[in-house]
Amino acid sequence: MSTVILFISFLLHFVTFYLIIILFTKYRTIKQHEESQRKLLQEAEDALSLFLIEMKDENEKFLMQLQAKLGDQSESIMSHTSSHRTDEHDEQDVPKHLENLLQSKEDIIDMEEGNQEEDLRTKAFQLKKEGYTLEEIAKKLNVGKTEIELFIKFNENDGFPS
């Protein structure tokens, strides 16, 4: 009788070890798949962020070429497009190795936009001094009449005479 119980015990131990080995192999394959998916996701995020940076660079180069060809007209195009630009980089997670590059580019763009806005404002007030109407100033600077009106209304008190 004790030999039968001993045999059943060995049999149950063997089955238990076999099931543990099967569970361990399945767990290991699931971990491997998870790690490969994580790597693929990271590669895709890096590729997309680099693609977005390249597209941004190409757009900036295009706008610079357009500015060189069109001269003064492109300044108003740049100010118009920059007013519609949203700050995408604050909303998305950018890989840490690209944050410094994006920050320096954003600083340069902000400085350029500020200078273009100031130039547009100065030109608007100069044309206003020369006696042009709001519609004529807007046409010359390729901006909206409302934008010119706002420039003049808000900045009359800032030292720019009307």
N, C-alpha and C. Protein backbone atom coordinates (compact mmCIF):
# COMPACT_ATOMS: atom_id res chain seq x y z
N MET A 1 0.81 -1.19 0.00
CA MET A 1 0.00 0.00 0.00
C MET A 1 0.87 1.27 0.00
N SER A 2 1.89 1.26 0.78
CA SER A 2 2.75 2.44 0.82
C SER A 2 3.49 2.64 -0.50
N THR A 3 3.77 1.57 -1.23
CA THR A 3 4.41 1.72 -2.53
C THR A 3 3.48 2.38 -3.53
N VAL A 4 2.22 2.11 -3.47
CA VAL A 4 1.24 2.73 -4.36
C VAL A 4 1.14 4.22 -4.06
N ILE A 5 1.09 4.56 -2.80
CA ILE A 5 1.01 5.97 -2.42
C ILE A 5 2.29 6.69 -2.82
N LEU A 6 3.42 6.04 -2.64
CA LEU A 6 4.70 6.63 -3.05
C LEU A 6 4.75 6.82 -4.56
N PHE A 7 4.24 5.84 -5.31
CA PHE A 7 4.20 5.95 -6.77
C PHE A 7 3.29 7.09 -7.21
N ILE A 8 2.13 7.23 -6.60
CA ILE A 8 1.20 8.32 -6.93
C ILE A 8 1.83 9.67 -6.58
N SER A 9 2.55 9.75 -5.49
CA SER A 9 3.22 10.99 -5.11
C SER A 9 4.28 11.40 -6.13
N PHE A 10 5.09 10.42 -6.56
CA PHE A 10 6.09 10.72 -7.60
C PHE A 10 5.44 11.14 -8.91
N LEU A 11 4.37 10.47 -9.25
CA LEU A 11 3.65 10.81 -10.46
C LEU A 11 3.09 12.24 -10.39
N LEU A 12 2.51 12.62 -9.27
CA LEU A 12 1.98 13.98 -9.10
C LEU A 12 3.11 15.02 -9.09
N HIS A 13 4.24 14.70 -8.49
CA HIS A 13 5.38 15.61 -8.53
C HIS A 13 5.89 15.80 -9.95
N PHE A 14 5.97 14.73 -10.70
CA PHE A 14 6.42 14.80 -12.08
C PHE A 14 5.48 15.66 -12.91
N VAL A 15 4.18 15.46 -12.77
CA VAL A 15 3.18 16.25 -13.51
C VAL A 15 3.27 17.72 -13.11
N THR A 16 3.45 17.98 -11.83
CA THR A 16 3.56 19.36 -11.34
C THR A 16 4.79 20.05 -11.91
N PHE A 17 5.94 19.37 -11.91
CA PHE A 17 7.15 19.95 -12.48
C PHE A 17 7.00 20.19 -13.99
N TYR A 18 6.34 19.27 -14.66
CA TYR A 18 6.11 19.43 -16.09
C TYR A 18 5.24 20.66 -16.37
N LEU A 19 4.19 20.85 -15.60
CA LEU A 19 3.32 22.01 -15.77
C LEU A 19 4.04 23.31 -15.42
N ILE A 20 4.90 23.28 -14.42
CA ILE A 20 5.68 24.47 -14.06
C ILE A 20 6.62 24.84 -15.20
N ILE A 21 7.24 23.86 -15.81
CA ILE A 21 8.15 24.13 -16.94
C ILE A 21 7.38 24.71 -18.12
N ILE A 22 6.22 24.17 -18.41
CA ILE A 22 5.39 24.70 -19.51
C ILE A 22 4.98 26.15 -19.22
N LEU A 23 4.54 26.43 -18.01
CA LEU A 23 4.16 27.80 -17.65
C LEU A 23 5.35 28.76 -17.74
N PHE A 24 6.50 28.33 -17.32
CA PHE A 24 7.69 29.17 -17.39
C PHE A 24 8.07 29.49 -18.84
N THR A 25 8.00 28.52 -19.73
CA THR A 25 8.33 28.77 -21.14
C THR A 25 7.33 29.73 -21.77
N LYS A 26 6.06 29.58 -21.44
CA LYS A 26 5.06 30.51 -21.97
C LYS A 26 5.28 31.92 -21.43
N TYR A 27 5.59 32.02 -20.16
CA TYR A 27 5.87 33.32 -19.55
C TYR A 27 7.08 33.98 -20.22
N ARG A 28 8.12 33.19 -20.48
CA ARG A 28 9.33 33.72 -21.12
C ARG A 28 9.04 34.20 -22.55
N THR A 29 8.24 33.48 -23.32
CA THR A 29 7.92 33.91 -24.68
C THR A 29 7.08 35.18 -24.66
N ILE A 30 6.16 35.28 -23.69
CA ILE A 30 5.35 36.50 -23.59
C ILE A 30 6.24 37.69 -23.25
N LYS A 31 7.19 37.53 -22.35
CA LYS A 31 8.13 38.60 -22.01
C LYS A 31 8.97 39.00 -23.21
N GLN A 32 9.41 38.03 -24.01
CA GLN A 32 10.20 38.33 -25.21
C GLN A 32 9.37 39.13 -26.21
N HIS A 33 8.12 38.74 -26.41
CA HIS A 33 7.24 39.48 -27.31
C HIS A 33 6.99 40.90 -26.80
N GLU A 34 6.79 41.02 -25.52
CA GLU A 34 6.57 42.34 -24.92
C GLU A 34 7.79 43.24 -25.13
N GLU A 35 8.98 42.70 -24.92
CA GLU A 35 10.20 43.48 -25.09
C GLU A 35 10.40 43.86 -26.55
N SER A 36 10.11 42.96 -27.48
CA SER A 36 10.26 43.29 -28.89
C SER A 36 9.24 44.36 -29.30
N GLN A 37 8.03 44.29 -28.76
CA GLN A 37 7.03 45.31 -29.05
C GLN A 37 7.44 46.67 -28.49
N ARG A 38 8.03 46.67 -27.31
CA ARG A 38 8.51 47.91 -26.70
C ARG A 38 9.61 48.54 -27.57
N LYS A 39 10.53 47.71 -28.07
CA LYS A 39 11.60 48.21 -28.93
C LYS A 39 11.04 48.78 -30.23
N LEU A 40 10.08 48.07 -30.82
CA LEU A 40 9.46 48.55 -32.05
C LEU A 40 8.75 49.88 -31.83
N LEU A 41 8.07 50.00 -30.72
CA LEU A 41 7.37 51.25 -30.40
C LEU A 41 8.35 52.40 -30.23
N GLN A 42 9.46 52.15 -29.55
CA GLN A 42 10.47 53.19 -29.35
C GLN A 42 11.09 53.60 -30.68
N GLU A 43 11.38 52.62 -31.55
CA GLU A 43 11.94 52.94 -32.86
C GLU A 43 10.96 53.76 -33.69
N ALA A 44 9.68 53.40 -33.61
CA ALA A 44 8.67 54.14 -34.37
C ALA A 44 8.54 55.57 -33.85
N GLU A 45 8.57 55.75 -32.54
CA GLU A 45 8.49 57.10 -31.97
C GLU A 45 9.70 57.93 -32.39
N ASP A 46 10.88 57.34 -32.33
CA ASP A 46 12.09 58.06 -32.75
C ASP A 46 12.03 58.43 -34.22
N ALA A 47 11.59 57.49 -35.04
CA ALA A 47 11.51 57.76 -36.48
C ALA A 47 10.51 58.88 -36.76
N LEU A 48 9.36 58.86 -36.11
CA LEU A 48 8.36 59.90 -36.33
C LEU A 48 8.84 61.26 -35.84
N SER A 49 9.51 61.28 -34.70
CA SER A 49 9.99 62.57 -34.19
C SER A 49 11.08 63.13 -35.10
N LEU A 50 11.96 62.28 -35.59
CA LEU A 50 12.98 62.75 -36.53
C LEU A 50 12.34 63.23 -37.84
N PHE A 51 11.31 62.51 -38.28
CA PHE A 51 10.62 62.92 -39.50
C PHE A 51 9.96 64.28 -39.31
N LEU A 52 9.34 64.50 -38.16
CA LEU A 52 8.71 65.79 -37.89
C LEU A 52 9.74 66.91 -37.84
N ILE A 53 10.90 66.63 -37.25
CA ILE A 53 11.95 67.65 -37.19
C ILE A 53 12.46 67.97 -38.59
N GLU A 54 12.64 66.93 -39.42
CA GLU A 54 13.08 67.15 -40.80
C GLU A 54 12.06 67.96 -41.59
N MET A 55 10.78 67.63 -41.39
CA MET A 55 9.72 68.38 -42.09
C MET A 55 9.72 69.85 -41.64
N LYS A 56 9.92 70.07 -40.36
CA LYS A 56 9.97 71.43 -39.85
C LYS A 56 11.15 72.19 -40.46
N ASP A 57 12.31 71.52 -40.53
CA ASP A 57 13.49 72.15 -41.14
C ASP A 57 13.24 72.47 -42.61
N GLU A 58 12.62 71.53 -43.33
CA GLU A 58 12.34 71.77 -44.74
C GLU A 58 11.36 72.93 -44.90
N ASN A 59 10.37 73.00 -44.05
CA ASN A 59 9.41 74.11 -44.13
C ASN A 59 10.09 75.45 -43.85
N GLU A 60 10.99 75.47 -42.87
CA GLU A 60 11.71 76.70 -42.57
C GLU A 60 12.61 77.11 -43.74
N LYS A 61 13.29 76.13 -44.35
CA LYS A 61 14.13 76.43 -45.51
C LYS A 61 13.29 76.96 -46.66
N PHE A 62 12.12 76.33 -46.87
CA PHE A 62 11.24 76.79 -47.92
C PHE A 62 10.78 78.23 -47.67
N LEU A 63 10.41 78.53 -46.43
CA LEU A 63 9.98 79.89 -46.11
C LEU A 63 11.11 80.89 -46.27
N MET A 64 12.34 80.46 -45.94
CA MET A 64 13.50 81.34 -46.13
C MET A 64 13.72 81.61 -47.63
N GLN A 65 13.61 80.56 -48.47
CA GLN A 65 13.76 80.74 -49.90
C GLN A 65 12.65 81.63 -50.45
N LEU A 66 11.45 81.41 -49.95
CA LEU A 66 10.33 82.24 -50.37
C LEU A 66 10.55 83.69 -49.97
N GLN A 67 11.08 83.90 -48.78
CA GLN A 67 11.36 85.25 -48.31
C GLN A 67 12.43 85.91 -49.17
N ALA A 68 13.44 85.15 -49.55
CA ALA A 68 14.50 85.69 -50.39
C ALA A 68 13.95 86.07 -51.77
N LYS A 69 13.03 85.29 -52.30
CA LYS A 69 12.49 85.57 -53.63
C LYS A 69 11.49 86.72 -53.62
N LEU A 70 10.66 86.76 -52.59
CA LEU A 70 9.58 87.74 -52.59
C LEU A 70 9.91 89.01 -51.81
N GLY A 71 11.00 89.00 -51.07
CA GLY A 71 11.41 90.20 -50.35
C GLY A 71 10.45 90.57 -49.25
N ASP A 72 9.92 91.78 -49.33
CA ASP A 72 9.07 92.32 -48.27
C ASP A 72 7.75 91.58 -48.15
N GLN A 73 7.25 91.03 -49.25
CA GLN A 73 5.97 90.34 -49.20
C GLN A 73 6.05 89.10 -48.31
N SER A 74 7.18 88.44 -48.32
CA SER A 74 7.29 87.20 -47.55
C SER A 74 7.30 87.46 -46.05
N GLU A 75 7.68 88.66 -45.64
CA GLU A 75 7.64 88.96 -44.21
C GLU A 75 6.21 88.86 -43.69
N SER A 76 5.28 89.35 -44.48
CA SER A 76 3.89 89.26 -44.04
C SER A 76 3.40 87.81 -44.11
N ILE A 77 3.92 87.03 -45.07
CA ILE A 77 3.56 85.63 -45.14
C ILE A 77 4.08 84.90 -43.91
N MET A 78 5.32 85.18 -43.53
CA MET A 78 5.91 84.55 -42.35
C MET A 78 5.14 84.92 -41.09
N SER A 79 4.76 86.19 -40.96
CA SER A 79 4.03 86.59 -39.76
C SER A 79 2.64 85.98 -39.76
N HIS A 80 2.05 85.84 -40.95
CA HIS A 80 0.72 85.23 -41.03
C HIS A 80 0.79 83.75 -40.67
N THR A 81 1.79 83.02 -41.20
CA THR A 81 1.89 81.60 -40.90
C THR A 81 2.31 81.37 -39.46
N SER A 82 3.13 82.24 -38.92
CA SER A 82 3.57 82.05 -37.54
C SER A 82 2.43 82.31 -36.55
N SER A 83 1.47 83.13 -36.94
CA SER A 83 0.35 83.38 -36.04
C SER A 83 -0.58 82.17 -35.98
N HIS A 84 -0.56 81.33 -37.02
CA HIS A 84 -1.39 80.13 -37.03
C HIS A 84 -0.65 78.90 -36.51
N ARG A 85 0.62 79.03 -36.23
CA ARG A 85 1.43 77.92 -35.75
C ARG A 85 1.08 77.63 -34.30
N THR A 86 0.92 76.35 -33.97
CA THR A 86 0.68 75.97 -32.59
C THR A 86 1.94 75.38 -32.02
N ASP A 87 2.03 75.43 -30.71
CA ASP A 87 3.23 74.93 -30.04
C ASP A 87 3.05 73.44 -29.78
N GLU A 88 3.38 72.63 -30.80
CA GLU A 88 3.16 71.19 -30.74
C GLU A 88 4.07 70.52 -29.75
N HIS A 89 5.25 71.02 -29.59
CA HIS A 89 6.25 70.32 -28.80
C HIS A 89 5.92 70.31 -27.32
N ASP A 90 5.12 71.23 -26.85
CA ASP A 90 4.76 71.22 -25.44
C ASP A 90 3.76 70.11 -25.16
N GLU A 91 2.94 69.74 -26.16
CA GLU A 91 1.89 68.78 -25.94
C GLU A 91 2.38 67.35 -26.10
N GLN A 92 3.43 67.12 -26.90
CA GLN A 92 3.86 65.76 -27.12
C GLN A 92 5.07 65.42 -26.28
N ASP A 93 5.27 64.12 -26.12
CA ASP A 93 6.46 63.66 -25.44
C ASP A 93 7.56 63.51 -26.48
N VAL A 94 8.61 64.27 -26.32
CA VAL A 94 9.74 64.23 -27.22
C VAL A 94 10.86 63.46 -26.54
N PRO A 95 11.53 62.57 -27.28
CA PRO A 95 12.65 61.85 -26.65
C PRO A 95 13.66 62.83 -26.08
N LYS A 96 14.27 62.45 -24.97
CA LYS A 96 15.15 63.36 -24.24
C LYS A 96 16.33 63.81 -25.07
N HIS A 97 16.83 62.95 -25.96
CA HIS A 97 17.99 63.32 -26.75
C HIS A 97 17.65 64.36 -27.82
N LEU A 98 16.36 64.60 -28.08
CA LEU A 98 15.97 65.59 -29.08
C LEU A 98 15.46 66.89 -28.45
N GLU A 99 15.24 66.91 -27.15
CA GLU A 99 14.67 68.09 -26.50
C GLU A 99 15.57 69.32 -26.63
N ASN A 100 16.88 69.14 -26.46
CA ASN A 100 17.79 70.28 -26.55
C ASN A 100 17.79 70.88 -27.94
N LEU A 101 17.76 70.02 -28.97
CA LEU A 101 17.73 70.50 -30.34
C LEU A 101 16.45 71.28 -30.60
N LEU A 102 15.32 70.76 -30.17
CA LEU A 102 14.05 71.45 -30.38
C LEU A 102 14.00 72.77 -29.62
N GLN A 103 14.52 72.78 -28.40
CA GLN A 103 14.49 74.00 -27.60
C GLN A 103 15.30 75.11 -28.26
N SER A 104 16.48 74.77 -28.77
CA SER A 104 17.30 75.81 -29.40
C SER A 104 16.64 76.33 -30.68
N LYS A 105 16.00 75.44 -31.45
CA LYS A 105 15.31 75.87 -32.66
C LYS A 105 14.11 76.75 -32.31
N GLU A 106 13.37 76.39 -31.26
CA GLU A 106 12.23 77.19 -30.86
C GLU A 106 12.66 78.58 -30.39
N ASP A 107 13.79 78.66 -29.70
CA ASP A 107 14.30 79.96 -29.27
C ASP A 107 14.63 80.84 -30.46
N ILE A 108 15.28 80.26 -31.46
CA ILE A 108 15.64 81.02 -32.66
C ILE A 108 14.39 81.47 -33.40
N ILE A 109 13.41 80.59 -33.53
CA ILE A 109 12.17 80.94 -34.23
C ILE A 109 11.44 82.04 -33.48
N ASP A 110 11.38 81.96 -32.15
CA ASP A 110 10.71 82.99 -31.36
C ASP A 110 11.37 84.35 -31.56
N MET A 111 12.71 84.38 -31.60
CA MET A 111 13.42 85.65 -31.81
C MET A 111 13.11 86.21 -33.20
N GLU A 112 13.08 85.33 -34.23
CA GLU A 112 12.78 85.79 -35.58
C GLU A 112 11.36 86.32 -35.69
N GLU A 113 10.40 85.62 -35.07
CA GLU A 113 9.01 86.06 -35.12
C GLU A 113 8.83 87.41 -34.44
N GLY A 114 9.51 87.61 -33.32
CA GLY A 114 9.43 88.89 -32.61
C GLY A 114 9.96 90.02 -33.46
N ASN A 115 11.08 89.79 -34.16
CA ASN A 115 11.65 90.82 -35.03
C ASN A 115 10.73 91.11 -36.20
N GLN A 116 10.13 90.09 -36.80
CA GLN A 116 9.24 90.29 -37.94
C GLN A 116 7.99 91.05 -37.51
N GLU A 117 7.46 90.74 -36.35
CA GLU A 117 6.28 91.43 -35.84
C GLU A 117 6.59 92.91 -35.62
N GLU A 118 7.75 93.19 -35.05
CA GLU A 118 8.15 94.57 -34.79
C GLU A 118 8.37 95.32 -36.11
N ASP A 119 8.98 94.67 -37.11
CA ASP A 119 9.19 95.29 -38.42
C ASP A 119 7.85 95.62 -39.08
N LEU A 120 6.91 94.69 -39.00
CA LEU A 120 5.60 94.90 -39.60
C LEU A 120 4.90 96.08 -38.92
N ARG A 121 4.99 96.14 -37.62
CA ARG A 121 4.37 97.23 -36.86
C ARG A 121 5.00 98.57 -37.24
N THR A 122 6.33 98.62 -37.33
CA THR A 122 7.03 99.85 -37.69
C THR A 122 6.64 100.30 -39.09
N LYS A 123 6.58 99.36 -40.03
CA LYS A 123 6.18 99.71 -41.40
C LYS A 123 4.75 100.24 -41.45
N ALA A 124 3.87 99.62 -40.66
CA ALA A 124 2.47 100.07 -40.64
C ALA A 124 2.38 101.51 -40.15
N PHE A 125 3.10 101.83 -39.09
CA PHE A 125 3.06 103.21 -38.57
C PHE A 125 3.74 104.19 -39.51
N GLN A 126 4.77 103.77 -40.20
CA GLN A 126 5.43 104.64 -41.17
C GLN A 126 4.47 104.97 -42.31
N LEU A 127 3.76 103.95 -42.81
CA LEU A 127 2.79 104.19 -43.89
C LEU A 127 1.62 105.04 -43.39
N LYS A 128 1.23 104.87 -42.14
CA LYS A 128 0.16 105.69 -41.57
C LYS A 128 0.60 107.15 -41.50
N LYS A 129 1.87 107.39 -41.14
CA LYS A 129 2.40 108.77 -41.11
C LYS A 129 2.41 109.39 -42.49
N GLU A 130 2.68 108.56 -43.51
CA GLU A 130 2.73 109.06 -44.88
C GLU A 130 1.34 109.34 -45.44
N GLY A 131 0.30 108.98 -44.71
CA GLY A 131 -1.05 109.34 -45.11
C GLY A 131 -1.83 108.24 -45.79
N TYR A 132 -1.33 107.04 -45.79
CA TYR A 132 -2.06 105.93 -46.41
C TYR A 132 -3.26 105.55 -45.54
N THR A 133 -4.31 105.05 -46.19
CA THR A 133 -5.48 104.57 -45.44
C THR A 133 -5.19 103.16 -44.92
N LEU A 134 -6.07 102.70 -44.04
CA LEU A 134 -5.88 101.37 -43.46
C LEU A 134 -5.92 100.28 -44.52
N GLU A 135 -6.82 100.44 -45.51
CA GLU A 135 -6.91 99.45 -46.58
C GLU A 135 -5.64 99.42 -47.41
N GLU A 136 -5.08 100.59 -47.72
CA GLU A 136 -3.86 100.66 -48.52
C GLU A 136 -2.67 100.07 -47.76
N ILE A 137 -2.60 100.33 -46.45
CA ILE A 137 -1.51 99.78 -45.64
C ILE A 137 -1.62 98.25 -45.61
N ALA A 138 -2.84 97.76 -45.44
CA ALA A 138 -3.04 96.31 -45.38
C ALA A 138 -2.65 95.66 -46.70
N LYS A 139 -2.98 96.30 -47.82
CA LYS A 139 -2.61 95.74 -49.12
C LYS A 139 -1.10 95.77 -49.32
N LYS A 140 -0.45 96.85 -48.94
CA LYS A 140 1.00 96.96 -49.12
C LYS A 140 1.76 95.94 -48.29
N LEU A 141 1.28 95.69 -47.07
CA LEU A 141 1.98 94.77 -46.18
C LEU A 141 1.45 93.34 -46.26
N ASN A 142 0.43 93.14 -47.09
CA ASN A 142 -0.20 91.82 -47.26
C ASN A 142 -0.67 91.23 -45.94
N VAL A 143 -1.36 92.04 -45.16
CA VAL A 143 -1.99 91.57 -43.93
C VAL A 143 -3.42 92.09 -43.92
N GLY A 144 -4.19 91.60 -42.98
CA GLY A 144 -5.58 92.00 -42.91
C GLY A 144 -5.76 93.42 -42.39
N LYS A 145 -6.86 94.03 -42.83
CA LYS A 145 -7.18 95.40 -42.39
C LYS A 145 -7.37 95.45 -40.88
N THR A 146 -7.99 94.43 -40.34
CA THR A 146 -8.25 94.38 -38.90
C THR A 146 -6.94 94.34 -38.12
N GLU A 147 -5.95 93.61 -38.64
CA GLU A 147 -4.66 93.53 -37.96
C GLU A 147 -3.99 94.91 -37.92
N ILE A 148 -4.08 95.65 -39.01
CA ILE A 148 -3.52 97.01 -39.05
C ILE A 148 -4.26 97.92 -38.07
N GLU A 149 -5.59 97.79 -38.05
CA GLU A 149 -6.38 98.60 -37.11
C GLU A 149 -5.96 98.32 -35.67
N LEU A 150 -5.76 97.05 -35.36
CA LEU A 150 -5.36 96.69 -34.01
C LEU A 150 -3.96 97.21 -33.68
N PHE A 151 -3.04 97.11 -34.63
CA PHE A 151 -1.70 97.66 -34.42
C PHE A 151 -1.80 99.13 -34.03
N ILE A 152 -2.58 99.87 -34.78
CA ILE A 152 -2.64 101.31 -34.58
C ILE A 152 -3.38 101.65 -33.28
N LYS A 153 -4.50 100.97 -33.01
CA LYS A 153 -5.26 101.25 -31.80
C LYS A 153 -4.48 100.92 -30.53
N PHE A 154 -3.86 99.76 -30.50
CA PHE A 154 -3.18 99.33 -29.29
C PHE A 154 -1.84 100.02 -29.08
N ASN A 155 -1.24 100.52 -30.12
CA ASN A 155 0.10 101.06 -29.98
C ASN A 155 0.19 102.56 -30.09
N GLU A 156 -0.93 103.25 -30.20
CA GLU A 156 -0.89 104.70 -30.21
C GLU A 156 -0.36 105.23 -28.90
N ASN A 157 -0.66 104.53 -27.82
CA ASN A 157 -0.21 104.95 -26.50
C ASN A 157 1.23 104.55 -26.20
N ASP A 158 1.82 103.71 -27.08
CA ASP A 158 3.19 103.23 -26.84
C ASP A 158 4.25 104.09 -27.53
N GLY A 159 3.92 105.28 -27.89
CA GLY A 159 4.91 106.16 -28.48
C GLY A 159 4.83 106.27 -30.00
N PHE A 160 3.91 105.56 -30.62
CA PHE A 160 3.74 105.66 -32.06
C PHE A 160 2.58 106.60 -32.33
N PRO A 161 2.85 107.74 -32.91
CA PRO A 161 1.74 108.65 -33.19
C PRO A 161 0.92 108.14 -34.37
N SER A 162 -0.36 108.49 -34.39
CA SER A 162 -1.20 108.03 -35.48
C SER A 162 -1.15 108.98 -36.65
